[in-house]
Amino acid sequence: MADIESIEVEVLTGDEPGAGTDALVYLGIGGREFLLDNRGEDDFRRGDRNYFTLGRGSTVTHPSTNDPRTPPLTFDDVDQYPVYLRLDAQVEEDAWLLDNVWVRVHSDGSTDRYGRRFLNGPGEGRSLWLGIRHGDVLHLERER
């Protein structure tokens, strides 16, 4: 199976008081975790839409250790393990309101997309709080 060349992640943070976070956010995919932290940006602010690229065209800090090409991941790896977003909350104030997340996994000529159908925020019941008192992980599903 073809090696993954890049992973693009789009995250929409809610626009309510306390919605943003300074905690670290990770994408779990293919049996690994990747830090979602753009160089020179203050990510996950209230009401923000953030974009992250891992691998080819990287936008993240520490691009060499957050690269799905090293060691190489394939779509077989992605199929074997859960795809998820994880908030590394250390204190209660690290809570984060997630309105939506989309993940696009690219290899030569092929793209898979992941997300959550119930997240189509903003709005009551269409967003999800993550944090110490809410749970730290949101598993994503492949869009068919």
N, C-alpha and C. Protein backbone atom coordinates (compact mmCIF):
# COMPACT_ATOMS: atom_id res chain seq x y z
N MET A 1 0.84 -1.18 0.00
CA MET A 1 0.00 0.00 0.00
C MET A 1 0.88 1.24 0.00
N ALA A 2 0.39 2.33 -0.60
CA ALA A 2 1.17 3.55 -0.77
C ALA A 2 1.46 4.24 0.57
N ASP A 3 2.64 4.83 0.66
CA ASP A 3 3.01 5.59 1.85
C ASP A 3 2.23 6.90 1.90
N ILE A 4 1.91 7.33 3.12
CA ILE A 4 1.24 8.61 3.32
C ILE A 4 2.27 9.72 3.14
N GLU A 5 1.91 10.71 2.33
CA GLU A 5 2.80 11.85 2.06
C GLU A 5 2.52 13.03 2.99
N SER A 6 1.25 13.27 3.29
CA SER A 6 0.90 14.40 4.16
C SER A 6 -0.45 14.15 4.82
N ILE A 7 -0.64 14.83 5.94
CA ILE A 7 -1.90 14.82 6.66
C ILE A 7 -2.26 16.28 6.91
N GLU A 8 -3.48 16.65 6.52
CA GLU A 8 -3.97 18.00 6.77
C GLU A 8 -5.09 17.93 7.80
N VAL A 9 -5.04 18.82 8.77
CA VAL A 9 -6.03 18.85 9.84
C VAL A 9 -6.61 20.26 9.91
N GLU A 10 -7.93 20.34 9.93
CA GLU A 10 -8.63 21.61 10.10
C GLU A 10 -9.46 21.50 11.37
N VAL A 11 -9.30 22.48 12.27
CA VAL A 11 -9.96 22.45 13.57
C VAL A 11 -10.70 23.77 13.77
N LEU A 12 -11.96 23.66 14.18
CA LEU A 12 -12.77 24.83 14.47
C LEU A 12 -13.07 24.84 15.97
N THR A 13 -12.57 25.87 16.66
CA THR A 13 -12.80 26.04 18.09
C THR A 13 -14.07 26.86 18.30
N GLY A 14 -14.84 26.50 19.31
CA GLY A 14 -16.10 27.18 19.61
C GLY A 14 -15.91 28.64 19.94
N ASP A 15 -17.02 29.38 19.87
CA ASP A 15 -17.00 30.81 20.12
C ASP A 15 -17.85 31.14 21.34
N GLU A 16 -17.51 30.51 22.47
CA GLU A 16 -18.17 30.77 23.74
C GLU A 16 -17.10 31.13 24.77
N PRO A 17 -17.47 31.78 25.85
CA PRO A 17 -16.49 32.08 26.89
C PRO A 17 -15.77 30.80 27.35
N GLY A 18 -14.44 30.87 27.42
CA GLY A 18 -13.65 29.74 27.87
C GLY A 18 -13.44 28.65 26.83
N ALA A 19 -13.83 28.89 25.58
CA ALA A 19 -13.77 27.85 24.55
C ALA A 19 -12.35 27.52 24.12
N GLY A 20 -11.44 28.48 24.11
CA GLY A 20 -10.08 28.25 23.66
C GLY A 20 -9.24 27.55 24.71
N THR A 21 -8.08 27.05 24.28
CA THR A 21 -7.20 26.34 25.20
C THR A 21 -5.74 26.62 24.88
N ASP A 22 -4.90 26.55 25.92
CA ASP A 22 -3.45 26.60 25.77
C ASP A 22 -2.84 25.21 25.89
N ALA A 23 -3.67 24.20 26.15
CA ALA A 23 -3.18 22.83 26.30
C ALA A 23 -2.69 22.30 24.95
N LEU A 24 -1.86 21.27 24.99
CA LEU A 24 -1.39 20.62 23.78
C LEU A 24 -2.49 19.74 23.21
N VAL A 25 -2.58 19.71 21.88
CA VAL A 25 -3.56 18.89 21.17
C VAL A 25 -2.80 17.97 20.23
N TYR A 26 -3.18 16.69 20.24
CA TYR A 26 -2.52 15.67 19.43
C TYR A 26 -3.51 15.00 18.49
N LEU A 27 -3.03 14.63 17.32
CA LEU A 27 -3.76 13.78 16.39
C LEU A 27 -3.16 12.39 16.50
N GLY A 28 -4.00 11.40 16.81
CA GLY A 28 -3.57 10.00 16.81
C GLY A 28 -4.00 9.37 15.51
N ILE A 29 -3.04 8.77 14.80
CA ILE A 29 -3.34 8.15 13.51
C ILE A 29 -2.23 7.16 13.17
N GLY A 30 -2.60 6.01 12.65
CA GLY A 30 -1.62 5.02 12.23
C GLY A 30 -0.78 4.46 13.36
N GLY A 31 -1.29 4.52 14.60
CA GLY A 31 -0.54 4.00 15.74
C GLY A 31 0.44 4.99 16.33
N ARG A 32 0.40 6.24 15.88
CA ARG A 32 1.30 7.30 16.39
C ARG A 32 0.48 8.50 16.82
N GLU A 33 1.13 9.41 17.53
CA GLU A 33 0.53 10.70 17.85
C GLU A 33 1.39 11.81 17.25
N PHE A 34 0.70 12.85 16.75
CA PHE A 34 1.36 14.00 16.16
C PHE A 34 0.88 15.26 16.87
N LEU A 35 1.82 16.12 17.26
CA LEU A 35 1.48 17.37 17.94
C LEU A 35 0.95 18.37 16.92
N LEU A 36 -0.23 18.94 17.20
CA LEU A 36 -0.82 19.97 16.36
C LEU A 36 -0.46 21.33 16.96
N ASP A 37 0.61 21.92 16.45
CA ASP A 37 1.11 23.19 16.95
C ASP A 37 1.83 23.89 15.81
N ASN A 38 1.22 24.93 15.27
CA ASN A 38 1.82 25.65 14.15
C ASN A 38 2.92 26.59 14.61
N ARG A 39 3.95 26.70 13.78
CA ARG A 39 5.06 27.59 14.06
C ARG A 39 4.58 29.03 14.15
N GLY A 40 4.90 29.70 15.26
CA GLY A 40 4.61 31.11 15.42
C GLY A 40 3.14 31.47 15.56
N GLU A 41 2.29 30.51 15.84
CA GLU A 41 0.84 30.77 15.96
C GLU A 41 0.37 30.51 17.39
N ASP A 42 -0.71 31.16 17.77
CA ASP A 42 -1.39 30.89 19.03
C ASP A 42 -2.65 30.11 18.67
N ASP A 43 -2.52 28.80 18.57
CA ASP A 43 -3.58 27.92 18.08
C ASP A 43 -4.69 27.73 19.11
N PHE A 44 -5.87 27.33 18.62
CA PHE A 44 -7.02 26.93 19.44
C PHE A 44 -7.58 28.07 20.28
N ARG A 45 -7.59 29.28 19.72
CA ARG A 45 -8.22 30.43 20.38
C ARG A 45 -9.72 30.39 20.13
N ARG A 46 -10.46 31.02 20.98
CA ARG A 46 -11.92 31.11 20.87
C ARG A 46 -12.33 31.60 19.47
N GLY A 47 -13.19 30.82 18.81
CA GLY A 47 -13.74 31.18 17.51
C GLY A 47 -12.78 30.99 16.33
N ASP A 48 -11.59 30.47 16.56
CA ASP A 48 -10.59 30.32 15.48
C ASP A 48 -10.78 29.05 14.68
N ARG A 49 -10.36 29.13 13.43
CA ARG A 49 -10.23 27.97 12.55
C ARG A 49 -8.73 27.82 12.30
N ASN A 50 -8.17 26.67 12.70
CA ASN A 50 -6.74 26.41 12.55
C ASN A 50 -6.51 25.30 11.53
N TYR A 51 -5.43 25.44 10.76
CA TYR A 51 -5.03 24.45 9.76
C TYR A 51 -3.62 23.97 10.09
N PHE A 52 -3.41 22.67 10.01
CA PHE A 52 -2.12 22.06 10.30
C PHE A 52 -1.77 21.10 9.17
N THR A 53 -0.51 21.11 8.74
CA THR A 53 -0.04 20.15 7.74
C THR A 53 1.13 19.39 8.33
N LEU A 54 1.05 18.07 8.29
CA LEU A 54 2.11 17.17 8.74
C LEU A 54 2.68 16.48 7.52
N GLY A 55 4.00 16.36 7.44
CA GLY A 55 4.62 15.72 6.28
C GLY A 55 4.95 16.75 5.21
N ARG A 56 4.73 16.39 3.95
CA ARG A 56 5.03 17.29 2.82
C ARG A 56 4.30 18.62 3.02
N GLY A 57 5.05 19.74 2.97
CA GLY A 57 4.48 21.07 3.16
C GLY A 57 4.19 21.42 4.61
N SER A 58 4.89 20.80 5.53
CA SER A 58 4.64 20.92 6.96
C SER A 58 4.53 22.38 7.43
N THR A 59 3.58 22.62 8.33
CA THR A 59 3.41 23.94 8.96
C THR A 59 3.67 23.88 10.46
N VAL A 60 3.91 22.69 11.00
CA VAL A 60 3.96 22.52 12.45
C VAL A 60 5.37 22.69 13.01
N THR A 61 5.41 22.99 14.32
CA THR A 61 6.69 23.00 15.01
C THR A 61 7.22 21.57 15.04
N HIS A 62 8.49 21.41 15.10
CA HIS A 62 9.13 20.10 15.13
C HIS A 62 8.66 19.24 13.94
N PRO A 63 8.82 19.73 12.72
CA PRO A 63 8.30 19.00 11.56
C PRO A 63 8.94 17.63 11.36
N SER A 64 10.20 17.45 11.75
CA SER A 64 10.85 16.16 11.51
C SER A 64 10.32 15.06 12.42
N THR A 65 9.87 15.40 13.63
CA THR A 65 9.33 14.39 14.53
C THR A 65 7.81 14.29 14.45
N ASN A 66 7.19 15.16 13.67
CA ASN A 66 5.74 15.12 13.44
C ASN A 66 5.49 14.92 11.95
N ASP A 67 6.14 13.91 11.39
CA ASP A 67 6.10 13.64 9.96
C ASP A 67 5.66 12.19 9.73
N PRO A 68 4.53 11.97 9.05
CA PRO A 68 4.08 10.60 8.81
C PRO A 68 4.95 9.83 7.82
N ARG A 69 5.93 10.50 7.22
CA ARG A 69 6.85 9.83 6.29
C ARG A 69 8.05 9.22 6.99
N THR A 70 8.26 9.56 8.29
CA THR A 70 9.44 9.11 9.02
C THR A 70 9.06 8.63 10.40
N PRO A 71 9.05 7.35 10.70
CA PRO A 71 9.05 6.25 9.72
C PRO A 71 7.75 6.27 8.92
N PRO A 72 7.78 5.70 7.72
CA PRO A 72 6.62 5.83 6.83
C PRO A 72 5.37 5.12 7.33
N LEU A 73 4.24 5.84 7.25
CA LEU A 73 2.93 5.28 7.53
C LEU A 73 2.21 5.01 6.20
N THR A 74 1.37 3.99 6.20
CA THR A 74 0.56 3.67 5.03
C THR A 74 -0.92 3.69 5.43
N PHE A 75 -1.80 3.60 4.44
CA PHE A 75 -3.23 3.51 4.74
C PHE A 75 -3.54 2.23 5.51
N ASP A 76 -2.75 1.17 5.32
CA ASP A 76 -2.93 -0.04 6.13
C ASP A 76 -2.72 0.27 7.61
N ASP A 77 -1.69 1.08 7.93
CA ASP A 77 -1.46 1.48 9.32
C ASP A 77 -2.65 2.26 9.87
N VAL A 78 -3.18 3.16 9.06
CA VAL A 78 -4.31 3.97 9.49
C VAL A 78 -5.53 3.10 9.75
N ASP A 79 -5.72 2.06 8.94
CA ASP A 79 -6.86 1.15 9.12
C ASP A 79 -6.73 0.28 10.37
N GLN A 80 -5.52 0.05 10.85
CA GLN A 80 -5.30 -0.85 11.98
C GLN A 80 -5.50 -0.20 13.35
N TYR A 81 -5.46 1.13 13.40
CA TYR A 81 -5.49 1.83 14.69
C TYR A 81 -6.55 2.93 14.66
N PRO A 82 -7.06 3.33 15.83
CA PRO A 82 -8.05 4.41 15.87
C PRO A 82 -7.45 5.73 15.40
N VAL A 83 -8.29 6.56 14.82
CA VAL A 83 -7.93 7.94 14.47
C VAL A 83 -8.65 8.81 15.50
N TYR A 84 -7.91 9.68 16.17
CA TYR A 84 -8.51 10.46 17.24
C TYR A 84 -7.80 11.79 17.43
N LEU A 85 -8.48 12.69 18.15
CA LEU A 85 -7.93 13.94 18.61
C LEU A 85 -7.86 13.85 20.12
N ARG A 86 -6.71 14.27 20.71
CA ARG A 86 -6.54 14.17 22.16
C ARG A 86 -6.06 15.50 22.73
N LEU A 87 -6.75 15.98 23.74
CA LEU A 87 -6.35 17.18 24.47
C LEU A 87 -5.53 16.75 25.67
N ASP A 88 -4.33 17.31 25.82
CA ASP A 88 -3.48 16.99 26.96
C ASP A 88 -3.71 18.02 28.07
N ALA A 89 -4.90 17.97 28.66
CA ALA A 89 -5.28 18.93 29.71
C ALA A 89 -4.53 18.62 31.00
N GLN A 90 -3.95 19.65 31.59
CA GLN A 90 -3.21 19.50 32.85
C GLN A 90 -3.98 20.06 34.04
N VAL A 91 -4.80 21.09 33.79
CA VAL A 91 -5.61 21.71 34.83
C VAL A 91 -7.00 21.95 34.26
N GLU A 92 -7.95 22.19 35.13
CA GLU A 92 -9.34 22.36 34.71
C GLU A 92 -9.52 23.48 33.69
N GLU A 93 -8.70 24.53 33.79
CA GLU A 93 -8.80 25.67 32.87
C GLU A 93 -8.37 25.32 31.45
N ASP A 94 -7.78 24.16 31.24
CA ASP A 94 -7.36 23.72 29.90
C ASP A 94 -8.51 23.21 29.06
N ALA A 95 -9.75 23.26 29.55
CA ALA A 95 -10.90 22.76 28.78
C ALA A 95 -10.95 23.46 27.42
N TRP A 96 -11.53 22.77 26.44
CA TRP A 96 -11.56 23.25 25.06
C TRP A 96 -12.89 22.88 24.43
N LEU A 97 -13.54 23.83 23.78
CA LEU A 97 -14.79 23.58 23.07
C LEU A 97 -14.49 23.38 21.59
N LEU A 98 -14.69 22.15 21.13
CA LEU A 98 -14.42 21.78 19.75
C LEU A 98 -15.72 21.83 18.96
N ASP A 99 -15.76 22.71 17.95
CA ASP A 99 -16.93 22.79 17.08
C ASP A 99 -16.84 21.77 15.94
N ASN A 100 -15.64 21.54 15.42
CA ASN A 100 -15.50 20.54 14.36
C ASN A 100 -14.04 20.26 14.09
N VAL A 101 -13.79 19.10 13.48
CA VAL A 101 -12.45 18.71 13.07
C VAL A 101 -12.57 17.87 11.80
N TRP A 102 -11.68 18.13 10.86
CA TRP A 102 -11.60 17.37 9.62
C TRP A 102 -10.15 16.98 9.40
N VAL A 103 -9.91 15.74 9.03
CA VAL A 103 -8.56 15.24 8.77
C VAL A 103 -8.54 14.66 7.36
N ARG A 104 -7.54 15.06 6.57
CA ARG A 104 -7.36 14.55 5.21
C ARG A 104 -5.99 13.89 5.13
N VAL A 105 -5.98 12.63 4.74
CA VAL A 105 -4.74 11.85 4.65
C VAL A 105 -4.44 11.63 3.17
N HIS A 106 -3.24 12.06 2.74
CA HIS A 106 -2.89 12.04 1.32
C HIS A 106 -1.72 11.09 1.02
N SER A 107 -1.87 10.33 -0.04
CA SER A 107 -0.75 9.61 -0.65
C SER A 107 -0.86 9.87 -2.14
N ASP A 108 0.01 9.27 -2.93
CA ASP A 108 -0.03 9.51 -4.38
C ASP A 108 -1.40 9.18 -4.95
N GLY A 109 -2.15 10.23 -5.31
CA GLY A 109 -3.43 10.04 -5.99
C GLY A 109 -4.58 9.57 -5.13
N SER A 110 -4.42 9.51 -3.82
CA SER A 110 -5.49 9.01 -2.96
C SER A 110 -5.63 9.91 -1.74
N THR A 111 -6.86 10.15 -1.32
CA THR A 111 -7.13 10.94 -0.12
C THR A 111 -8.25 10.29 0.67
N ASP A 112 -8.04 10.11 1.96
CA ASP A 112 -9.09 9.67 2.88
C ASP A 112 -9.41 10.83 3.80
N ARG A 113 -10.69 10.94 4.19
CA ARG A 113 -11.13 12.00 5.10
C ARG A 113 -11.71 11.38 6.37
N TYR A 114 -11.46 12.06 7.49
CA TYR A 114 -11.97 11.63 8.79
C TYR A 114 -12.61 12.82 9.49
N GLY A 115 -13.62 12.56 10.29
CA GLY A 115 -14.29 13.60 11.06
C GLY A 115 -15.31 12.96 11.98
N ARG A 116 -16.26 13.76 12.44
CA ARG A 116 -17.38 13.26 13.26
C ARG A 116 -18.65 13.91 12.76
N ARG A 117 -19.60 13.10 12.37
CA ARG A 117 -20.85 13.61 11.80
C ARG A 117 -21.63 14.47 12.78
N PHE A 118 -21.60 14.13 14.09
CA PHE A 118 -22.41 14.90 15.04
C PHE A 118 -21.81 16.28 15.30
N LEU A 119 -20.55 16.49 14.98
CA LEU A 119 -19.94 17.80 15.15
C LEU A 119 -20.20 18.62 13.90
N ASN A 120 -21.16 19.48 13.97
CA ASN A 120 -21.39 20.40 12.86
C ASN A 120 -21.70 21.76 13.43
N GLY A 121 -21.01 22.08 14.55
CA GLY A 121 -21.21 23.30 15.33
C GLY A 121 -21.15 24.54 14.48
N PRO A 122 -21.40 25.68 15.04
CA PRO A 122 -21.68 25.89 16.46
C PRO A 122 -23.14 25.62 16.79
N GLY A 123 -23.43 25.53 18.05
CA GLY A 123 -24.80 25.36 18.49
C GLY A 123 -24.93 24.29 19.55
N GLU A 124 -25.96 24.39 20.33
CA GLU A 124 -26.22 23.44 21.40
C GLU A 124 -26.29 22.02 20.86
N GLY A 125 -25.53 21.12 21.44
CA GLY A 125 -25.55 19.73 21.04
C GLY A 125 -24.77 19.40 19.79
N ARG A 126 -24.10 20.39 19.20
CA ARG A 126 -23.32 20.14 17.98
C ARG A 126 -21.84 20.42 18.18
N SER A 127 -21.45 20.73 19.41
CA SER A 127 -20.06 20.95 19.78
C SER A 127 -19.73 20.00 20.93
N LEU A 128 -18.44 19.89 21.26
CA LEU A 128 -18.02 18.97 22.30
C LEU A 128 -16.93 19.60 23.15
N TRP A 129 -17.14 19.60 24.47
CA TRP A 129 -16.10 20.04 25.39
C TRP A 129 -15.15 18.89 25.65
N LEU A 130 -13.85 19.18 25.63
CA LEU A 130 -12.80 18.24 26.01
C LEU A 130 -12.06 18.85 27.19
N GLY A 131 -11.60 18.01 28.11
CA GLY A 131 -10.86 18.49 29.27
C GLY A 131 -10.93 17.50 30.41
N ILE A 132 -10.32 17.88 31.52
CA ILE A 132 -10.24 16.99 32.68
C ILE A 132 -11.61 16.52 33.13
N ARG A 133 -12.60 17.38 33.12
CA ARG A 133 -13.95 17.02 33.58
C ARG A 133 -14.87 16.58 32.44
N HIS A 134 -14.35 16.48 31.24
CA HIS A 134 -15.20 16.18 30.09
C HIS A 134 -14.74 14.96 29.29
N GLY A 135 -13.53 14.51 29.48
CA GLY A 135 -12.91 13.50 28.62
C GLY A 135 -11.91 14.18 27.72
N ASP A 136 -10.83 13.48 27.40
CA ASP A 136 -9.72 14.07 26.66
C ASP A 136 -9.65 13.66 25.19
N VAL A 137 -10.42 12.65 24.78
CA VAL A 137 -10.24 12.06 23.46
C VAL A 137 -11.54 12.06 22.68
N LEU A 138 -11.44 12.38 21.39
CA LEU A 138 -12.55 12.24 20.46
C LEU A 138 -12.09 11.35 19.31
N HIS A 139 -12.70 10.18 19.17
CA HIS A 139 -12.38 9.29 18.06
C HIS A 139 -13.09 9.78 16.81
N LEU A 140 -12.39 9.67 15.70
CA LEU A 140 -12.92 10.13 14.41
C LEU A 140 -13.27 8.94 13.55
N GLU A 141 -14.11 9.18 12.56
CA GLU A 141 -14.55 8.11 11.66
C GLU A 141 -14.22 8.49 10.22
N ARG A 142 -13.96 7.47 9.42
CA ARG A 142 -13.69 7.70 8.01
C ARG A 142 -14.98 8.11 7.32
N GLU A 143 -14.89 9.14 6.51
CA GLU A 143 -16.05 9.57 5.72
C GLU A 143 -16.10 8.72 4.47
N ARG A 144 -17.23 8.18 4.18
CA ARG A 144 -17.40 7.30 3.03
C ARG A 144 -18.04 8.03 1.89
